[in-house]
Amino acid sequence: MLNGKKILLCVTGGIAVYKGAALTSKLTQAGAEVKVILSDSAAKFVTPLTFQALSRSEVYTDTFDEKNPENIAHIHLADC
């Protein structure tokens, strides 16, 4: 249903963070490519590893921490 669609999910802190994890799972199962940005506060409720496993993609917690200079994270995420 969502094959080929790119979705950027921004998750902030709060008890409802678990809903973001469930949404990530459902979107991925429907064929979407899900990229997740997780705030520091959100990571206190659910770890980035949870979202990484559900989305099958890297989870971003700091879009200015460039691991690969050829892939600028905040620009790459804007292409979602």
PDB file of N, CA and C in Angstrom:
ATOM      1  N   MET A   1       0.815  -1.188   0.000  1.00  0.00           N
ATOM      2  CA  MET A   1       0.000   0.000   0.000  1.00  0.00           C
ATOM      3  C   MET A   1       0.867   1.264   0.000  1.00  0.00           C
ATOM      4  N   LEU A   2       1.928   1.270   0.787  1.00  0.00           N
ATOM      5  CA  LEU A   2       2.806   2.437   0.866  1.00  0.00           C
ATOM      6  C   LEU A   2       4.160   2.186   0.204  1.00  0.00           C
ATOM      7  N   ASN A   3       4.245   1.189  -0.645  1.00  0.00           N
ATOM      8  CA  ASN A   3       5.513   0.853  -1.297  1.00  0.00           C
ATOM      9  C   ASN A   3       6.104   2.070  -1.991  1.00  0.00           C
ATOM     10  N   GLY A   4       7.386   2.326  -1.699  1.00  0.00           N
ATOM     11  CA  GLY A   4       8.087   3.426  -2.342  1.00  0.00           C
ATOM     12  C   GLY A   4       7.885   4.777  -1.689  1.00  0.00           C
ATOM     13  N   LYS A   5       7.002   4.879  -0.724  1.00  0.00           N
ATOM     14  CA  LYS A   5       6.768   6.153  -0.038  1.00  0.00           C
ATOM     15  C   LYS A   5       7.846   6.363   1.004  1.00  0.00           C
ATOM     16  N   LYS A   6       8.277   7.608   1.151  1.00  0.00           N
ATOM     17  CA  LYS A   6       9.276   7.970   2.151  1.00  0.00           C
ATOM     18  C   LYS A   6       8.592   8.804   3.228  1.00  0.00           C
ATOM     19  N   ILE A   7       8.793   8.410   4.472  1.00  0.00           N
ATOM     20  CA  ILE A   7       8.154   9.089   5.596  1.00  0.00           C
ATOM     21  C   ILE A   7       9.214   9.458   6.618  1.00  0.00           C
ATOM     22  N   LEU A   8       9.175  10.704   7.070  1.00  0.00           N
ATOM     23  CA  LEU A   8      10.047  11.174   8.140  1.00  0.00           C
ATOM     24  C   LEU A   8       9.189  11.330   9.383  1.00  0.00           C
ATOM     25  N   LEU A   9       9.494  10.561  10.421  1.00  0.00           N
ATOM     26  CA  LEU A   9       8.738  10.592  11.671  1.00  0.00           C
ATOM     27  C   LEU A   9       9.599  11.253  12.733  1.00  0.00           C
ATOM     28  N   CYS A  10       9.125  12.376  13.257  1.00  0.00           N
ATOM     29  CA  CYS A  10       9.840  13.105  14.307  1.00  0.00           C
ATOM     30  C   CYS A  10       9.161  12.801  15.633  1.00  0.00           C
ATOM     31  N   VAL A  11       9.911  12.219  16.559  1.00  0.00           N
ATOM     32  CA  VAL A  11       9.348  11.768  17.826  1.00  0.00           C
ATOM     33  C   VAL A  11       9.943  12.597  18.959  1.00  0.00           C
ATOM     34  N   THR A  12       9.058  13.202  19.751  1.00  0.00           N
ATOM     35  CA  THR A  12       9.497  14.005  20.891  1.00  0.00           C
ATOM     36  C   THR A  12       9.096  13.320  22.187  1.00  0.00           C
ATOM     37  N   GLY A  13       9.592  13.844  23.302  1.00  0.00           N
ATOM     38  CA  GLY A  13       9.399  13.208  24.595  1.00  0.00           C
ATOM     39  C   GLY A  13       7.980  13.273  25.109  1.00  0.00           C
ATOM     40  N   GLY A  14       7.579  12.220  25.746  1.00  0.00           N
ATOM     41  CA  GLY A  14       6.264  12.119  26.361  1.00  0.00           C
ATOM     42  C   GLY A  14       5.882  10.659  26.466  1.00  0.00           C
ATOM     43  N   ILE A  15       4.922  10.381  27.289  1.00  0.00           N
ATOM     44  CA  ILE A  15       4.530   9.001  27.519  1.00  0.00           C
ATOM     45  C   ILE A  15       3.977   8.344  26.258  1.00  0.00           C
ATOM     46  N   ALA A  16       3.503   9.141  25.305  1.00  0.00           N
ATOM     47  CA  ALA A  16       2.930   8.596  24.069  1.00  0.00           C
ATOM     48  C   ALA A  16       3.988   8.186  23.043  1.00  0.00           C
ATOM     49  N   VAL A  17       5.257   8.229  23.408  1.00  0.00           N
ATOM     50  CA  VAL A  17       6.332   7.831  22.489  1.00  0.00           C
ATOM     51  C   VAL A  17       6.106   6.410  21.979  1.00  0.00           C
ATOM     52  N   TYR A  18       5.550   5.557  22.807  1.00  0.00           N
ATOM     53  CA  TYR A  18       5.321   4.173  22.390  1.00  0.00           C
ATOM     54  C   TYR A  18       4.415   4.106  21.163  1.00  0.00           C
ATOM     55  N   LYS A  19       3.531   5.105  21.002  1.00  0.00           N
ATOM     56  CA  LYS A  19       2.660   5.129  19.820  1.00  0.00           C
ATOM     57  C   LYS A  19       3.479   5.374  18.554  1.00  0.00           C
ATOM     58  N   GLY A  20       4.553   6.145  18.684  1.00  0.00           N
ATOM     59  CA  GLY A  20       5.448   6.370  17.550  1.00  0.00           C
ATOM     60  C   GLY A  20       6.129   5.079  17.125  1.00  0.00           C
ATOM     61  N   ALA A  21       6.469   4.247  18.099  1.00  0.00           N
ATOM     62  CA  ALA A  21       7.082   2.951  17.788  1.00  0.00           C
ATOM     63  C   ALA A  21       6.081   2.054  17.060  1.00  0.00           C
ATOM     64  N   ALA A  22       4.850   2.040  17.534  1.00  0.00           N
ATOM     65  CA  ALA A  22       3.818   1.227  16.881  1.00  0.00           C
ATOM     66  C   ALA A  22       3.547   1.731  15.467  1.00  0.00           C
ATOM     67  N   LEU A  23       3.514   3.049  15.295  1.00  0.00           N
ATOM     68  CA  LEU A  23       3.284   3.640  13.976  1.00  0.00           C
ATOM     69  C   LEU A  23       4.431   3.303  13.026  1.00  0.00           C
ATOM     70  N   THR A  24       5.650   3.384  13.529  1.00  0.00           N
ATOM     71  CA  THR A  24       6.820   3.031  12.724  1.00  0.00           C
ATOM     72  C   THR A  24       6.709   1.599  12.222  1.00  0.00           C
ATOM     73  N   SER A  25       6.329   0.700  13.098  1.00  0.00           N
ATOM     74  CA  SER A  25       6.179  -0.704  12.722  1.00  0.00           C
ATOM     75  C   SER A  25       5.121  -0.882  11.638  1.00  0.00           C
ATOM     76  N   LYS A  26       3.975  -0.263  11.813  1.00  0.00           N
ATOM     77  CA  LYS A  26       2.882  -0.412  10.839  1.00  0.00           C
ATOM     78  C   LYS A  26       3.242   0.187   9.484  1.00  0.00           C
ATOM     79  N   LEU A  27       3.889   1.350   9.491  1.00  0.00           N
ATOM     80  CA  LEU A  27       4.278   1.988   8.231  1.00  0.00           C
ATOM     81  C   LEU A  27       5.308   1.145   7.487  1.00  0.00           C
ATOM     82  N   THR A  28       6.267   0.604   8.226  1.00  0.00           N
ATOM     83  CA  THR A  28       7.298  -0.240   7.616  1.00  0.00           C
ATOM     84  C   THR A  28       6.681  -1.514   7.047  1.00  0.00           C
ATOM     85  N   GLN A  29       5.779  -2.115   7.784  1.00  0.00           N
ATOM     86  CA  GLN A  29       5.106  -3.329   7.308  1.00  0.00           C
ATOM     87  C   GLN A  29       4.280  -3.054   6.056  1.00  0.00           C
ATOM     88  N   ALA A  30       3.790  -1.813   5.922  1.00  0.00           N
ATOM     89  CA  ALA A  30       2.990  -1.438   4.748  1.00  0.00           C
ATOM     90  C   ALA A  30       3.864  -1.088   3.549  1.00  0.00           C
ATOM     91  N   GLY A  31       5.202  -1.146   3.725  1.00  0.00           N
ATOM     92  CA  GLY A  31       6.105  -0.931   2.605  1.00  0.00           C
ATOM     93  C   GLY A  31       6.751   0.431   2.527  1.00  0.00           C
ATOM     94  N   ALA A  32       6.488   1.302   3.493  1.00  0.00           N
ATOM     95  CA  ALA A  32       7.083   2.642   3.481  1.00  0.00           C
ATOM     96  C   ALA A  32       8.527   2.588   3.967  1.00  0.00           C
ATOM     97  N   GLU A  33       9.317   3.539   3.488  1.00  0.00           N
ATOM     98  CA  GLU A  33      10.680   3.737   3.991  1.00  0.00           C
ATOM     99  C   GLU A  33      10.572   4.799   5.077  1.00  0.00           C
ATOM    100  N   VAL A  34      10.768   4.403   6.331  1.00  0.00           N
ATOM    101  CA  VAL A  34      10.575   5.306   7.463  1.00  0.00           C
ATOM    102  C   VAL A  34      11.925   5.716   8.032  1.00  0.00           C
ATOM    103  N   LYS A  35      12.142   7.014   8.114  1.00  0.00           N
ATOM    104  CA  LYS A  35      13.308   7.579   8.790  1.00  0.00           C
ATOM    105  C   LYS A  35      12.796   8.218  10.068  1.00  0.00           C
ATOM    106  N   VAL A  36      13.508   8.026  11.169  1.00  0.00           N
ATOM    107  CA  VAL A  36      13.057   8.526  12.466  1.00  0.00           C
ATOM    108  C   VAL A  36      14.084   9.491  13.039  1.00  0.00           C
ATOM    109  N   ILE A  37      13.576  10.638  13.495  1.00  0.00           N
ATOM    110  CA  ILE A  37      14.368  11.574  14.290  1.00  0.00           C
ATOM    111  C   ILE A  37      13.820  11.481  15.704  1.00  0.00           C
ATOM    112  N   LEU A  38      14.691  11.243  16.656  1.00  0.00           N
ATOM    113  CA  LEU A  38      14.295  11.042  18.041  1.00  0.00           C
ATOM    114  C   LEU A  38      14.922  12.129  18.905  1.00  0.00           C
ATOM    115  N   SER A  39      14.099  12.859  19.649  1.00  0.00           N
ATOM    116  CA  SER A  39      14.633  13.892  20.537  1.00  0.00           C
ATOM    117  C   SER A  39      15.286  13.233  21.752  1.00  0.00           C
ATOM    118  N   ASP A  40      16.121  13.991  22.456  1.00  0.00           N
ATOM    119  CA  ASP A  40      16.756  13.470  23.667  1.00  0.00           C
ATOM    120  C   ASP A  40      15.707  13.029  24.681  1.00  0.00           C
ATOM    121  N   SER A  41      14.645  13.818  24.806  1.00  0.00           N
ATOM    122  CA  SER A  41      13.579  13.480  25.759  1.00  0.00           C
ATOM    123  C   SER A  41      12.873  12.194  25.365  1.00  0.00           C
ATOM    124  N   ALA A  42      12.628  12.008  24.088  1.00  0.00           N
ATOM    125  CA  ALA A  42      11.961  10.786  23.620  1.00  0.00           C
ATOM    126  C   ALA A  42      12.820   9.562  23.907  1.00  0.00           C
ATOM    127  N   ALA A  43      14.134   9.720  23.777  1.00  0.00           N
ATOM    128  CA  ALA A  43      15.054   8.601  23.998  1.00  0.00           C
ATOM    129  C   ALA A  43      15.080   8.156  25.456  1.00  0.00           C
ATOM    130  N   LYS A  44      14.541   8.981  26.355  1.00  0.00           N
ATOM    131  CA  LYS A  44      14.446   8.577  27.764  1.00  0.00           C
ATOM    132  C   LYS A  44      13.279   7.615  27.983  1.00  0.00           C
ATOM    133  N   PHE A  45      12.328   7.619  27.061  1.00  0.00           N
ATOM    134  CA  PHE A  45      11.180   6.720  27.154  1.00  0.00           C
ATOM    135  C   PHE A  45      11.391   5.444  26.338  1.00  0.00           C
ATOM    136  N   VAL A  46      11.919   5.593  25.118  1.00  0.00           N
ATOM    137  CA  VAL A  46      12.150   4.464  24.212  1.00  0.00           C
ATOM    138  C   VAL A  46      13.517   4.666  23.563  1.00  0.00           C
ATOM    139  N   THR A  47      14.338   3.640  23.527  1.00  0.00           N
ATOM    140  CA  THR A  47      15.690   3.802  22.994  1.00  0.00           C
ATOM    141  C   THR A  47      15.692   3.903  21.467  1.00  0.00           C
ATOM    142  N   PRO A  48      16.714   4.555  20.913  1.00  0.00           N
ATOM    143  CA  PRO A  48      16.845   4.611  19.455  1.00  0.00           C
ATOM    144  C   PRO A  48      16.902   3.215  18.821  1.00  0.00           C
ATOM    145  N   LEU A  49      17.456   2.253  19.537  1.00  0.00           N
ATOM    146  CA  LEU A  49      17.561   0.889  19.012  1.00  0.00           C
ATOM    147  C   LEU A  49      16.181   0.299  18.697  1.00  0.00           C
ATOM    148  N   THR A  50      15.190   0.640  19.492  1.00  0.00           N
ATOM    149  CA  THR A  50      13.824   0.165  19.236  1.00  0.00           C
ATOM    150  C   THR A  50      13.341   0.652  17.883  1.00  0.00           C
ATOM    151  N   PHE A  51      13.501   1.957  17.635  1.00  0.00           N
ATOM    152  CA  PHE A  51      13.055   2.526  16.362  1.00  0.00           C
ATOM    153  C   PHE A  51      13.900   2.016  15.201  1.00  0.00           C
ATOM    154  N   GLN A  52      15.182   1.774  15.451  1.00  0.00           N
ATOM    155  CA  GLN A  52      16.054   1.239  14.399  1.00  0.00           C
ATOM    156  C   GLN A  52      15.586  -0.155  13.985  1.00  0.00           C
ATOM    157  N   ALA A  53      15.251  -0.976  14.947  1.00  0.00           N
ATOM    158  CA  ALA A  53      14.783  -2.330  14.634  1.00  0.00           C
ATOM    159  C   ALA A  53      13.447  -2.300  13.895  1.00  0.00           C
ATOM    160  N   LEU A  54      12.564  -1.405  14.303  1.00  0.00           N
ATOM    161  CA  LEU A  54      11.234  -1.342  13.689  1.00  0.00           C
ATOM    162  C   LEU A  54      11.258  -0.733  12.292  1.00  0.00           C
ATOM    163  N   SER A  55      12.137   0.249  12.089  1.00  0.00           N
ATOM    164  CA  SER A  55      12.184   0.937  10.790  1.00  0.00           C
ATOM    165  C   SER A  55      13.190   0.310   9.832  1.00  0.00           C
ATOM    166  N   ARG A  56      14.079  -0.527  10.382  1.00  0.00           N
ATOM    167  CA  ARG A  56      15.169  -1.117   9.593  1.00  0.00           C
ATOM    168  C   ARG A  56      16.047  -0.033   8.978  1.00  0.00           C
ATOM    169  N   SER A  57      16.181   1.068   9.711  1.00  0.00           N
ATOM    170  CA  SER A  57      16.940   2.227   9.243  1.00  0.00           C
ATOM    171  C   SER A  57      17.645   2.889  10.417  1.00  0.00           C
ATOM    172  N   GLU A  58      18.669   3.657  10.091  1.00  0.00           N
ATOM    173  CA  GLU A  58      19.355   4.435  11.118  1.00  0.00           C
ATOM    174  C   GLU A  58      18.383   5.420  11.756  1.00  0.00           C
ATOM    175  N   VAL A  59      18.506   5.612  13.057  1.00  0.00           N
ATOM    176  CA  VAL A  59      17.699   6.593  13.782  1.00  0.00           C
ATOM    177  C   VAL A  59      18.591   7.788  14.075  1.00  0.00           C
ATOM    178  N   TYR A  60      18.061   8.965  13.823  1.00  0.00           N
ATOM    179  CA  TYR A  60      18.824  10.194  14.004  1.00  0.00           C
ATOM    180  C   TYR A  60      18.468  10.834  15.336  1.00  0.00           C
ATOM    181  N   THR A  61      19.490  11.153  16.118  1.00  0.00           N
ATOM    182  CA  THR A  61      19.285  11.859  17.381  1.00  0.00           C
ATOM    183  C   THR A  61      19.969  13.220  17.353  1.00  0.00           C
ATOM    184  N   ASP A  62      20.896  13.386  16.434  1.00  0.00           N
ATOM    185  CA  ASP A  62      21.592  14.664  16.258  1.00  0.00           C
ATOM    186  C   ASP A  62      21.893  14.814  14.772  1.00  0.00           C
ATOM    187  N   THR A  63      21.140  15.664  14.099  1.00  0.00           N
ATOM    188  CA  THR A  63      21.291  15.786  12.646  1.00  0.00           C
ATOM    189  C   THR A  63      22.541  16.560  12.241  1.00  0.00           C
ATOM    190  N   PHE A  64      23.300  17.037  13.210  1.00  0.00           N
ATOM    191  CA  PHE A  64      24.538  17.739  12.883  1.00  0.00           C
ATOM    192  C   PHE A  64      25.773  16.924  13.257  1.00  0.00           C
ATOM    193  N   ASP A  65      25.581  15.694  13.693  1.00  0.00           N
ATOM    194  CA  ASP A  65      26.684  14.781  13.973  1.00  0.00           C
ATOM    195  C   ASP A  65      26.936  13.982  12.700  1.00  0.00           C
ATOM    196  N   GLU A  66      27.789  14.515  11.839  1.00  0.00           N
ATOM    197  CA  GLU A  66      28.001  13.944  10.504  1.00  0.00           C
ATOM    198  C   GLU A  66      28.998  12.790  10.554  1.00  0.00           C
ATOM    199  N   LYS A  67      28.505  11.576  10.323  1.00  0.00           N
ATOM    200  CA  LYS A  67      29.371  10.400  10.285  1.00  0.00           C
ATOM    201  C   LYS A  67      30.011  10.230   8.915  1.00  0.00           C
ATOM    202  N   ASN A  68      29.318  10.711   7.893  1.00  0.00           N
ATOM    203  CA  ASN A  68      29.790  10.600   6.517  1.00  0.00           C
ATOM    204  C   ASN A  68      29.676  11.980   5.873  1.00  0.00           C
ATOM    205  N   PRO A  69      30.795  12.629   5.557  1.00  0.00           N
ATOM    206  CA  PRO A  69      30.735  13.986   5.007  1.00  0.00           C
ATOM    207  C   PRO A  69      30.046  14.072   3.647  1.00  0.00           C
ATOM    208  N   GLU A  70      29.867  12.942   2.979  1.00  0.00           N
ATOM    209  CA  GLU A  70      29.168  12.950   1.694  1.00  0.00           C
ATOM    210  C   GLU A  70      27.655  12.826   1.869  1.00  0.00           C
ATOM    211  N   ASN A  71      27.222  12.563   3.082  1.00  0.00           N
ATOM    212  CA  ASN A  71      25.797  12.408   3.365  1.00  0.00           C
ATOM    213  C   ASN A  71      25.442  13.332   4.530  1.00  0.00           C
ATOM    214  N   ILE A  72      25.101  14.574   4.229  1.00  0.00           N
ATOM    215  CA  ILE A  72      24.751  15.550   5.255  1.00  0.00           C
ATOM    216  C   ILE A  72      23.358  15.191   5.784  1.00  0.00           C
ATOM    217  N   ALA A  73      23.279  14.812   7.053  1.00  0.00           N
ATOM    218  CA  ALA A  73      22.055  14.228   7.608  1.00  0.00           C
ATOM    219  C   ALA A  73      20.837  15.122   7.449  1.00  0.00           C
ATOM    220  N   HIS A  74      20.935  16.402   7.818  1.00  0.00           N
ATOM    221  CA  HIS A  74      19.728  17.233   7.771  1.00  0.00           C
ATOM    222  C   HIS A  74      19.258  17.482   6.337  1.00  0.00           C
ATOM    223  N   ILE A  75      20.165  17.429   5.383  1.00  0.00           N
ATOM    224  CA  ILE A  75      19.771  17.567   3.971  1.00  0.00           C
ATOM    225  C   ILE A  75      19.195  16.241   3.473  1.00  0.00           C
ATOM    226  N   HIS A  76      19.835  15.150   3.840  1.00  0.00           N
ATOM    227  CA  HIS A  76      19.351  13.822   3.455  1.00  0.00           C
ATOM    228  C   HIS A  76      17.930  13.592   3.975  1.00  0.00           C
ATOM    229  N   LEU A  77      17.671  13.988   5.196  1.00  0.00           N
ATOM    230  CA  LEU A  77      16.341  13.794   5.778  1.00  0.00           C
ATOM    231  C   LEU A  77      15.293  14.663   5.105  1.00  0.00           C
ATOM    232  N   ALA A  78      15.690  15.816   4.608  1.00  0.00           N
ATOM    233  CA  ALA A  78      14.743  16.702   3.916  1.00  0.00           C
ATOM    234  C   ALA A  78      14.241  16.073   2.622  1.00  0.00           C
ATOM    235  N   ASP A  79      14.987  15.119   2.089  1.00  0.00           N
ATOM    236  CA  ASP A  79      14.579  14.441   0.857  1.00  0.00           C
ATOM    237  C   ASP A  79      13.522  13.366   1.090  1.00  0.00           C
ATOM    238  N   CYS A  80      13.160  13.129   2.336  1.00  0.00           N
ATOM    239  CA  CYS A  80      12.139  12.102   2.635  1.00  0.00           C
ATOM    240  C   CYS A  80      10.790  12.488   2.120  1.00  0.00           C
TER     241      CYS A  80
END
